Amino acid sequence: PAAGRAKVVQCHGVFDLLHIGHIRHLQEARQLGD
């Protein structure tokens, strides 16, 4: 119930060597939900 009002965003991938493109992609994803 505590998460009932949350808007959930999922990203999926390999993320083999995390780089700035990944970070910006994930930051944009977080802005689309809670």
Full PDB file with SEQRES, HELIX, SHEET, SSBOND, CRYST1, ORIGX, SCALE, CONECT and MASTER records, all heavy atoms in Angstrom:
SEQRES   1 A   34  PRO ALA ALA GLY ARG ALA LYS VAL VAL GLN CYS HIS GLY          
SEQRES   2 A   34  VAL PHE ASP LEU LEU HIS ILE GLY HIS ILE ARG HIS LEU          
SEQRES   3 A   34  GLN GLU ALA ARG GLN LEU GLY ASP                              
HELIX    1 AA1 ILE A   20  GLN A   31  1                                  12    
CRYST1    1.000    1.000    1.000  90.00  90.00  90.00 P 1           1          
ORIGX1      1.000000  0.000000  0.000000        0.00000                         
ORIGX2      0.000000  1.000000  0.000000        0.00000                         
ORIGX3      0.000000  0.000000  1.000000        0.00000                         
SCALE1      1.000000  0.000000  0.000000        0.00000                         
SCALE2      0.000000  1.000000  0.000000        0.00000                         
SCALE3      0.000000  0.000000  1.000000        0.00000                         
ATOM      1  N   PRO A   1       0.814  -1.229   0.000  1.00  0.00           N  
ATOM      2  CA  PRO A   1       0.000   0.000   0.000  1.00  0.00           C  
ATOM      3  C   PRO A   1       0.838   1.266   0.000  1.00  0.00           C  
ATOM      4  O   PRO A   1       0.469   2.264  -0.626  1.00  0.00           O  
ATOM      5  CB  PRO A   1      -0.818  -0.120   1.284  1.00  0.00           C  
ATOM      6  CG  PRO A   1      -0.904  -1.593   1.527  1.00  0.00           C  
ATOM      7  CD  PRO A   1       0.397  -2.163   1.072  1.00  0.00           C  
ATOM      8  N   ALA A   2       2.005   1.241   0.686  1.00  0.00           N  
ATOM      9  CA  ALA A   2       2.839   2.442   0.764  1.00  0.00           C  
ATOM     10  C   ALA A   2       3.354   2.867  -0.596  1.00  0.00           C  
ATOM     11  O   ALA A   2       3.704   4.027  -0.818  1.00  0.00           O  
ATOM     12  CB  ALA A   2       4.027   2.188   1.699  1.00  0.00           C  
ATOM     13  N   ALA A   3       3.417   1.926  -1.543  1.00  0.00           N  
ATOM     14  CA  ALA A   3       3.904   2.240  -2.884  1.00  0.00           C  
ATOM     15  C   ALA A   3       2.768   2.428  -3.879  1.00  0.00           C  
ATOM     16  O   ALA A   3       3.001   2.602  -5.068  1.00  0.00           O  
ATOM     17  CB  ALA A   3       4.825   1.119  -3.372  1.00  0.00           C  
ATOM     18  N   GLY A   4       1.552   2.399  -3.377  1.00  0.00           N  
ATOM     19  CA  GLY A   4       0.385   2.394  -4.258  1.00  0.00           C  
ATOM     20  C   GLY A   4       0.256   3.603  -5.146  1.00  0.00           C  
ATOM     21  O   GLY A   4      -0.303   3.509  -6.235  1.00  0.00           O  
ATOM     22  N   ARG A   5       0.750   4.741  -4.687  1.00  0.00           N  
ATOM     23  CA  ARG A   5       0.614   5.961  -5.481  1.00  0.00           C  
ATOM     24  C   ARG A   5       1.837   6.214  -6.362  1.00  0.00           C  
ATOM     25  O   ARG A   5       1.900   7.207  -7.065  1.00  0.00           O  
ATOM     26  CB  ARG A   5       0.383   7.163  -4.558  1.00  0.00           C  
ATOM     27  CG  ARG A   5      -0.949   7.127  -3.825  1.00  0.00           C  
ATOM     28  CD  ARG A   5      -1.186   8.410  -3.044  1.00  0.00           C  
ATOM     29  NE  ARG A   5      -0.110   8.651  -2.074  1.00  0.00           N  
ATOM     30  CZ  ARG A   5      -0.086   8.116  -0.853  1.00  0.00           C  
ATOM     31  NH1 ARG A   5      -1.050   7.293  -0.471  1.00  0.00           N  
ATOM     32  NH2 ARG A   5       0.894   8.388  -0.027  1.00  0.00           N  
ATOM     33  N   ALA A   6       2.841   5.327  -6.309  1.00  0.00           N  
ATOM     34  CA  ALA A   6       4.071   5.545  -7.062  1.00  0.00           C  
ATOM     35  C   ALA A   6       3.895   5.198  -8.530  1.00  0.00           C  
ATOM     36  O   ALA A   6       3.260   4.202  -8.873  1.00  0.00           O  
ATOM     37  CB  ALA A   6       5.201   4.704  -6.473  1.00  0.00           C  
ATOM     38  N   LYS A   7       4.457   6.043  -9.385  1.00  0.00           N  
ATOM     39  CA  LYS A   7       4.519   5.741 -10.819  1.00  0.00           C  
ATOM     40  C   LYS A   7       5.865   5.084 -11.080  1.00  0.00           C  
ATOM     41  O   LYS A   7       6.920   5.687 -10.862  1.00  0.00           O  
ATOM     42  CB  LYS A   7       4.371   7.010 -11.641  1.00  0.00           C  
ATOM     43  CG  LYS A   7       4.348   6.753 -13.147  1.00  0.00           C  
ATOM     44  CD  LYS A   7       4.137   8.051 -13.929  1.00  0.00           C  
ATOM     45  CE  LYS A   7       4.078   7.783 -15.427  1.00  0.00           C  
ATOM     46  NZ  LYS A   7       3.889   9.049 -16.195  1.00  0.00           N  
ATOM     47  N   VAL A   8       5.836   3.838 -11.542  1.00  0.00           N  
ATOM     48  CA  VAL A   8       7.053   3.037 -11.664  1.00  0.00           C  
ATOM     49  C   VAL A   8       7.566   3.055 -13.103  1.00  0.00           C  
ATOM     50  O   VAL A   8       6.805   2.857 -14.055  1.00  0.00           O  
ATOM     51  CB  VAL A   8       6.798   1.580 -11.222  1.00  0.00           C  
ATOM     52  CG1 VAL A   8       8.057   0.730 -11.411  1.00  0.00           C  
ATOM     53  CG2 VAL A   8       6.337   1.549  -9.771  1.00  0.00           C  
ATOM     54  N   VAL A   9       8.868   3.269 -13.241  1.00  0.00           N  
ATOM     55  CA  VAL A   9       9.549   3.240 -14.532  1.00  0.00           C  
ATOM     56  C   VAL A   9      10.582   2.117 -14.493  1.00  0.00           C  
ATOM     57  O   VAL A   9      11.305   1.968 -13.509  1.00  0.00           O  
ATOM     58  CB  VAL A   9      10.247   4.575 -14.841  1.00  0.00           C  
ATOM     59  CG1 VAL A   9      10.928   4.518 -16.211  1.00  0.00           C  
ATOM     60  CG2 VAL A   9       9.269   5.724 -14.774  1.00  0.00           C  
ATOM     61  N   GLN A  10      10.635   1.338 -15.559  1.00  0.00           N  
ATOM     62  CA  GLN A  10      11.632   0.270 -15.651  1.00  0.00           C  
ATOM     63  C   GLN A  10      12.541   0.499 -16.841  1.00  0.00           C  
ATOM     64  O   GLN A  10      12.094   0.840 -17.937  1.00  0.00           O  
ATOM     65  CB  GLN A  10      10.964  -1.100 -15.799  1.00  0.00           C  
ATOM     66  CG  GLN A  10      11.957  -2.263 -15.925  1.00  0.00           C  
ATOM     67  CD  GLN A  10      11.280  -3.587 -16.242  1.00  0.00           C  
ATOM     68  OE1 GLN A  10      10.046  -3.692 -16.236  1.00  0.00           O  
ATOM     69  NE2 GLN A  10      12.068  -4.613 -16.534  1.00  0.00           N  
ATOM     70  N   CYS A  11      13.844   0.351 -16.612  1.00  0.00           N  
ATOM     71  CA  CYS A  11      14.830   0.332 -17.684  1.00  0.00           C  
ATOM     72  C   CYS A  11      15.503  -1.031 -17.662  1.00  0.00           C  
ATOM     73  O   CYS A  11      15.659  -1.642 -16.598  1.00  0.00           O  
ATOM     74  CB  CYS A  11      15.890   1.419 -17.498  1.00  0.00           C  
ATOM     75  SG  CYS A  11      15.294   3.101 -17.753  1.00  0.00           S  
ATOM     76  N   HIS A  12      15.922  -1.482 -18.819  1.00  0.00           N  
ATOM     77  CA  HIS A  12      16.534  -2.809 -18.902  1.00  0.00           C  
ATOM     78  C   HIS A  12      17.681  -2.784 -19.895  1.00  0.00           C  
ATOM     79  O   HIS A  12      17.602  -2.130 -20.938  1.00  0.00           O  
ATOM     80  CB  HIS A  12      15.501  -3.846 -19.362  1.00  0.00           C  
ATOM     81  CG  HIS A  12      16.070  -5.225 -19.512  1.00  0.00           C  
ATOM     82  ND1 HIS A  12      16.218  -6.081 -18.458  1.00  0.00           N  
ATOM     83  CD2 HIS A  12      16.547  -5.884 -20.606  1.00  0.00           C  
ATOM     84  CE1 HIS A  12      16.740  -7.221 -18.883  1.00  0.00           C  
ATOM     85  NE2 HIS A  12      16.956  -7.120 -20.184  1.00  0.00           N  
ATOM     86  N   GLY A  13      18.756  -3.488 -19.561  1.00  0.00           N  
ATOM     87  CA  GLY A  13      19.872  -3.571 -20.491  1.00  0.00           C  
ATOM     88  C   GLY A  13      21.034  -4.323 -19.896  1.00  0.00           C  
ATOM     89  O   GLY A  13      20.951  -4.888 -18.804  1.00  0.00           O  
ATOM     90  N   VAL A  14      22.156  -4.304 -20.626  1.00  0.00           N  
ATOM     91  CA  VAL A  14      23.372  -4.966 -20.152  1.00  0.00           C  
ATOM     92  C   VAL A  14      24.141  -4.040 -19.222  1.00  0.00           C  
ATOM     93  O   VAL A  14      24.634  -4.456 -18.172  1.00  0.00           O  
ATOM     94  CB  VAL A  14      24.253  -5.386 -21.350  1.00  0.00           C  
ATOM     95  CG1 VAL A  14      25.569  -5.993 -20.876  1.00  0.00           C  
ATOM     96  CG2 VAL A  14      23.506  -6.386 -22.226  1.00  0.00           C  
ATOM     97  N   PHE A  15      24.296  -2.766 -19.606  1.00  0.00           N  
ATOM     98  CA  PHE A  15      25.031  -1.765 -18.824  1.00  0.00           C  
ATOM     99  C   PHE A  15      26.442  -2.260 -18.512  1.00  0.00           C  
ATOM    100  O   PHE A  15      26.926  -2.163 -17.389  1.00  0.00           O  
ATOM    101  CB  PHE A  15      24.272  -1.409 -17.530  1.00  0.00           C  
ATOM    102  CG  PHE A  15      22.910  -0.839 -17.770  1.00  0.00           C  
ATOM    103  CD1 PHE A  15      21.779  -1.627 -17.629  1.00  0.00           C  
ATOM    104  CD2 PHE A  15      22.745   0.483 -18.160  1.00  0.00           C  
ATOM    105  CE1 PHE A  15      20.507  -1.108 -17.859  1.00  0.00           C  
ATOM    106  CE2 PHE A  15      21.475   1.014 -18.397  1.00  0.00           C  
ATOM    107  CZ  PHE A  15      20.354   0.211 -18.243  1.00  0.00           C  
ATOM    108  N   ASP A  16      27.089  -2.786 -19.558  1.00  0.00           N  
ATOM    109  CA  ASP A  16      28.452  -3.297 -19.424  1.00  0.00           C  
ATOM    110  C   ASP A  16      29.418  -2.143 -19.681  1.00  0.00           C  
ATOM    111  O   ASP A  16      29.623  -1.737 -20.818  1.00  0.00           O  
ATOM    112  CB  ASP A  16      28.661  -4.426 -20.441  1.00  0.00           C  
ATOM    113  CG  ASP A  16      29.878  -5.269 -20.141  1.00  0.00           C  
ATOM    114  OD1 ASP A  16      30.411  -5.169 -19.030  1.00  0.00           O  
ATOM    115  OD2 ASP A  16      30.274  -6.057 -21.018  1.00  0.00           O  
ATOM    116  N   LEU A  17      29.977  -1.613 -18.640  1.00  0.00           N  
ATOM    117  CA  LEU A  17      30.751  -0.384 -18.603  1.00  0.00           C  
ATOM    118  C   LEU A  17      29.790   0.812 -18.593  1.00  0.00           C  
ATOM    119  O   LEU A  17      29.342   1.305 -19.637  1.00  0.00           O  
ATOM    120  CB  LEU A  17      31.724  -0.251 -19.778  1.00  0.00           C  
ATOM    121  CG  LEU A  17      32.637   0.986 -19.742  1.00  0.00           C  
ATOM    122  CD1 LEU A  17      33.542   0.946 -18.508  1.00  0.00           C  
ATOM    123  CD2 LEU A  17      33.487   1.091 -20.994  1.00  0.00           C  
ATOM    124  N   LEU A  18      29.428   1.224 -17.401  1.00  0.00           N  
ATOM    125  CA  LEU A  18      28.495   2.340 -17.209  1.00  0.00           C  
ATOM    126  C   LEU A  18      29.155   3.626 -17.696  1.00  0.00           C  
ATOM    127  O   LEU A  18      30.281   3.954 -17.301  1.00  0.00           O  
ATOM    128  CB  LEU A  18      28.143   2.442 -15.726  1.00  0.00           C  
ATOM    129  CG  LEU A  18      27.004   3.366 -15.336  1.00  0.00           C  
ATOM    130  CD1 LEU A  18      25.695   2.900 -15.937  1.00  0.00           C  
ATOM    131  CD2 LEU A  18      26.891   3.422 -13.812  1.00  0.00           C  
ATOM    132  N   HIS A  19      28.471   4.380 -18.579  1.00  0.00           N  
ATOM    133  CA  HIS A  19      29.053   5.594 -19.129  1.00  0.00           C  
ATOM    134  C   HIS A  19      28.033   6.735 -19.085  1.00  0.00           C  
ATOM    135  O   HIS A  19      26.879   6.536 -18.668  1.00  0.00           O  
ATOM    136  CB  HIS A  19      29.567   5.359 -20.549  1.00  0.00           C  
ATOM    137  CG  HIS A  19      28.538   4.823 -21.500  1.00  0.00           C  
ATOM    138  ND1 HIS A  19      27.496   5.568 -21.993  1.00  0.00           N  
ATOM    139  CD2 HIS A  19      28.405   3.592 -22.073  1.00  0.00           C  
ATOM    140  CE1 HIS A  19      26.768   4.851 -22.819  1.00  0.00           C  
ATOM    141  NE2 HIS A  19      27.287   3.629 -22.882  1.00  0.00           N  
ATOM    142  N   ILE A  20      28.443   7.909 -19.542  1.00  0.00           N  
ATOM    143  CA  ILE A  20      27.618   9.109 -19.409  1.00  0.00           C  
ATOM    144  C   ILE A  20      26.301   8.969 -20.166  1.00  0.00           C  
ATOM    145  O   ILE A  20      25.267   9.486 -19.727  1.00  0.00           O  
ATOM    146  CB  ILE A  20      28.393  10.369 -19.891  1.00  0.00           C  
ATOM    147  CG1 ILE A  20      27.610  11.649 -19.584  1.00  0.00           C  
ATOM    148  CG2 ILE A  20      28.744  10.255 -21.357  1.00  0.00           C  
ATOM    149  CD1 ILE A  20      27.378  11.872 -18.102  1.00  0.00           C  
ATOM    150  N   GLY A  21      26.304   8.248 -21.280  1.00  0.00           N  
ATOM    151  CA  GLY A  21      25.060   8.030 -22.006  1.00  0.00           C  
ATOM    152  C   GLY A  21      24.058   7.254 -21.168  1.00  0.00           C  
ATOM    153  O   GLY A  21      22.871   7.581 -21.132  1.00  0.00           O  
ATOM    154  N   HIS A  22      24.544   6.191 -20.482  1.00  0.00           N  
ATOM    155  CA  HIS A  22      23.675   5.431 -19.580  1.00  0.00           C  
ATOM    156  C   HIS A  22      23.129   6.325 -18.470  1.00  0.00           C  
ATOM    157  O   HIS A  22      21.933   6.290 -18.141  1.00  0.00           O  
ATOM    158  CB  HIS A  22      24.462   4.290 -18.924  1.00  0.00           C  
ATOM    159  CG  HIS A  22      24.807   3.164 -19.843  1.00  0.00           C  
ATOM    160  ND1 HIS A  22      25.998   2.483 -19.774  1.00  0.00           N  
ATOM    161  CD2 HIS A  22      24.113   2.599 -20.860  1.00  0.00           C  
ATOM    162  CE1 HIS A  22      26.022   1.534 -20.697  1.00  0.00           C  
ATOM    163  NE2 HIS A  22      24.894   1.589 -21.375  1.00  0.00           N  
ATOM    164  N   ILE A  23      24.007   7.125 -17.867  1.00  0.00           N  
ATOM    165  CA  ILE A  23      23.605   7.957 -16.726  1.00  0.00           C  
ATOM    166  C   ILE A  23      22.512   8.943 -17.141  1.00  0.00           C  
ATOM    167  O   ILE A  23      21.499   9.109 -16.447  1.00  0.00           O  
ATOM    168  CB  ILE A  23      24.829   8.694 -16.149  1.00  0.00           C  
ATOM    169  CG1 ILE A  23      25.794   7.674 -15.525  1.00  0.00           C  
ATOM    170  CG2 ILE A  23      24.400   9.737 -15.107  1.00  0.00           C  
ATOM    171  CD1 ILE A  23      27.128   8.258 -15.131  1.00  0.00           C  
ATOM    172  N   ARG A  24      22.687   9.589 -18.284  1.00  0.00           N  
ATOM    173  CA  ARG A  24      21.669  10.548 -18.743  1.00  0.00           C  
ATOM    174  C   ARG A  24      20.363   9.827 -19.089  1.00  0.00           C  
ATOM    175  O   ARG A  24      19.280  10.351 -18.832  1.00  0.00           O  
ATOM    176  CB  ARG A  24      22.198  11.316 -19.953  1.00  0.00           C  
ATOM    177  CG  ARG A  24      23.336  12.266 -19.601  1.00  0.00           C  
ATOM    178  CD  ARG A  24      23.884  12.984 -20.819  1.00  0.00           C  
ATOM    179  NE  ARG A  24      24.949  13.904 -20.447  1.00  0.00           N  
ATOM    180  CZ  ARG A  24      25.677  14.594 -21.315  1.00  0.00           C  
ATOM    181  NH1 ARG A  24      25.435  14.465 -22.623  1.00  0.00           N  
ATOM    182  NH2 ARG A  24      26.621  15.407 -20.903  1.00  0.00           N  
ATOM    183  N   HIS A  25      20.485   8.641 -19.667  1.00  0.00           N  
ATOM    184  CA  HIS A  25      19.308   7.827 -19.983  1.00  0.00           C  
ATOM    185  C   HIS A  25      18.530   7.491 -18.704  1.00  0.00           C  
ATOM    186  O   HIS A  25      17.292   7.622 -18.653  1.00  0.00           O  
ATOM    187  CB  HIS A  25      19.786   6.554 -20.679  1.00  0.00           C  
ATOM    188  CG  HIS A  25      18.734   5.504 -20.856  1.00  0.00           C  
ATOM    189  ND1 HIS A  25      17.679   5.635 -21.728  1.00  0.00           N  
ATOM    190  CD2 HIS A  25      18.584   4.283 -20.275  1.00  0.00           C  
ATOM    191  CE1 HIS A  25      16.925   4.551 -21.684  1.00  0.00           C  
ATOM    192  NE2 HIS A  25      17.448   3.716 -20.809  1.00  0.00           N  
ATOM    193  N   LEU A  26      19.232   7.096 -17.660  1.00  0.00           N  
ATOM    194  CA  LEU A  26      18.577   6.727 -16.405  1.00  0.00           C  
ATOM    195  C   LEU A  26      18.021   7.945 -15.675  1.00  0.00           C  
ATOM    196  O   LEU A  26      16.959   7.873 -15.044  1.00  0.00           O  
ATOM    197  CB  LEU A  26      19.561   5.967 -15.514  1.00  0.00           C  
ATOM    198  CG  LEU A  26      20.013   4.609 -16.084  1.00  0.00           C  
ATOM    199  CD1 LEU A  26      21.146   4.024 -15.253  1.00  0.00           C  
ATOM    200  CD2 LEU A  26      18.841   3.634 -16.148  1.00  0.00           C  
ATOM    201  N   GLN A  27      18.720   9.055 -15.763  1.00  0.00           N  
ATOM    202  CA  GLN A  27      18.196  10.277 -15.146  1.00  0.00           C  
ATOM    203  C   GLN A  27      16.906  10.716 -15.837  1.00  0.00           C  
ATOM    204  O   GLN A  27      15.958  11.156 -15.162  1.00  0.00           O  
ATOM    205  CB  GLN A  27      19.252  11.394 -15.226  1.00  0.00           C  
ATOM    206  CG  GLN A  27      20.428  11.186 -14.273  1.00  0.00           C  
ATOM    207  CD  GLN A  27      21.533  12.210 -14.483  1.00  0.00           C  
ATOM    208  OE1 GLN A  27      21.688  12.769 -15.575  1.00  0.00           O  
ATOM    209  NE2 GLN A  27      22.312  12.458 -13.441  1.00  0.00           N  
ATOM    210  N   GLU A  28      16.862  10.596 -17.149  1.00  0.00           N  
ATOM    211  CA  GLU A  28      15.635  10.933 -17.879  1.00  0.00           C  
ATOM    212  C   GLU A  28      14.515   9.976 -17.487  1.00  0.00           C  
ATOM    213  O   GLU A  28      13.359  10.384 -17.312  1.00  0.00           O  
ATOM    214  CB  GLU A  28      15.883  10.861 -19.384  1.00  0.00           C  
ATOM    215  CG  GLU A  28      14.636  11.160 -20.212  1.00  0.00           C  
ATOM    216  CD  GLU A  28      14.892  11.135 -21.707  1.00  0.00           C  
ATOM    217  OE1 GLU A  28      16.057  11.272 -22.114  1.00  0.00           O  
ATOM    218  OE2 GLU A  28      13.918  10.972 -22.464  1.00  0.00           O  
ATOM    219  N   ALA A  29      14.858   8.715 -17.325  1.00  0.00           N  
ATOM    220  CA  ALA A  29      13.857   7.725 -16.927  1.00  0.00           C  
ATOM    221  C   ALA A  29      13.267   8.059 -15.568  1.00  0.00           C  
ATOM    222  O   ALA A  29      12.051   7.980 -15.363  1.00  0.00           O  
ATOM    223  CB  ALA A  29      14.489   6.335 -16.895  1.00  0.00           C  
ATOM    224  N   ARG A  30      14.118   8.455 -14.630  1.00  0.00           N  
ATOM    225  CA  ARG A  30      13.638   8.767 -13.265  1.00  0.00           C  
ATOM    226  C   ARG A  30      12.678   9.945 -13.267  1.00  0.00           C  
ATOM    227  O   ARG A  30      11.743  10.013 -12.458  1.00  0.00           O  
ATOM    228  CB  ARG A  30      14.838   9.059 -12.353  1.00  0.00           C  
ATOM    229  CG  ARG A  30      14.475   9.277 -10.882  1.00  0.00           C  
ATOM    230  CD  ARG A  30      13.812   8.017 -10.313  1.00  0.00           C  
ATOM    231  NE  ARG A  30      13.562   8.144  -8.887  1.00  0.00           N  
ATOM    232  CZ  ARG A  30      12.552   8.814  -8.356  1.00  0.00           C  
ATOM    233  NH1 ARG A  30      11.691   9.432  -9.152  1.00  0.00           N  
ATOM    234  NH2 ARG A  30      12.383   8.874  -7.049  1.00  0.00           N  
ATOM    235  N   GLN A  31      12.875  10.872 -14.203  1.00  0.00           N  
ATOM    236  CA  GLN A  31      12.000  12.035 -14.285  1.00  0.00           C  
ATOM    237  C   GLN A  31      10.607  11.684 -14.794  1.00  0.00           C  
ATOM    238  O   GLN A  31       9.670  12.470 -14.644  1.00  0.00           O  
ATOM    239  CB  GLN A  31      12.634  13.100 -15.194  1.00  0.00           C  
ATOM    240  CG  GLN A  31      13.906  13.704 -14.615  1.00  0.00           C  
ATOM    241  CD  GLN A  31      14.626  14.603 -15.601  1.00  0.00           C  
ATOM    242  OE1 GLN A  31      14.134  14.809 -16.717  1.00  0.00           O  
ATOM    243  NE2 GLN A  31      15.774  15.130 -15.209  1.00  0.00           N  
ATOM    244  N   LEU A  32      10.467  10.484 -15.366  1.00  0.00           N  
ATOM    245  CA  LEU A  32       9.168  10.067 -15.893  1.00  0.00           C  
ATOM    246  C   LEU A  32       8.288   9.405 -14.838  1.00  0.00           C  
ATOM    247  O   LEU A  32       7.137   9.062 -15.119  1.00  0.00           O  
ATOM    248  CB  LEU A  32       9.369   9.087 -17.061  1.00  0.00           C  
ATOM    249  CG  LEU A  32      10.092   9.638 -18.298  1.00  0.00           C  
ATOM    250  CD1 LEU A  32      10.258   8.533 -19.337  1.00  0.00           C  
ATOM    251  CD2 LEU A  32       9.319  10.814 -18.897  1.00  0.00           C  
ATOM    252  N   GLY A  33       8.797   9.205 -13.638  1.00  0.00           N  
ATOM    253  CA  GLY A  33       8.011   8.540 -12.601  1.00  0.00           C  
ATOM    254  C   GLY A  33       8.538   8.811 -11.210  1.00  0.00           C  
ATOM    255  O   GLY A  33       9.393   9.680 -10.998  1.00  0.00           O  
ATOM    256  N   ASP A  34       8.017   8.036 -10.247  1.00  0.00           N  
ATOM    257  CA  ASP A  34       8.405   8.199  -8.848  1.00  0.00           C  
ATOM    258  C   ASP A  34       9.427   7.157  -8.402  1.00  0.00           C  
ATOM    259  O   ASP A  34      10.089   7.328  -7.382  1.00  0.00           O  
ATOM    260  CB  ASP A  34       7.166   8.061  -7.957  1.00  0.00           C  
ATOM    261  CG  ASP A  34       6.066   9.022  -8.364  1.00  0.00           C  
ATOM    262  OD1 ASP A  34       6.333  10.235  -8.382  1.00  0.00           O  
ATOM    263  OD2 ASP A  34       4.961   8.559  -8.700  1.00  0.00           O  
TER     264      ASP A  34                                                      
MASTER        0    0    0    1    0    0    0    6  263    1    0    3          
END                                                                             
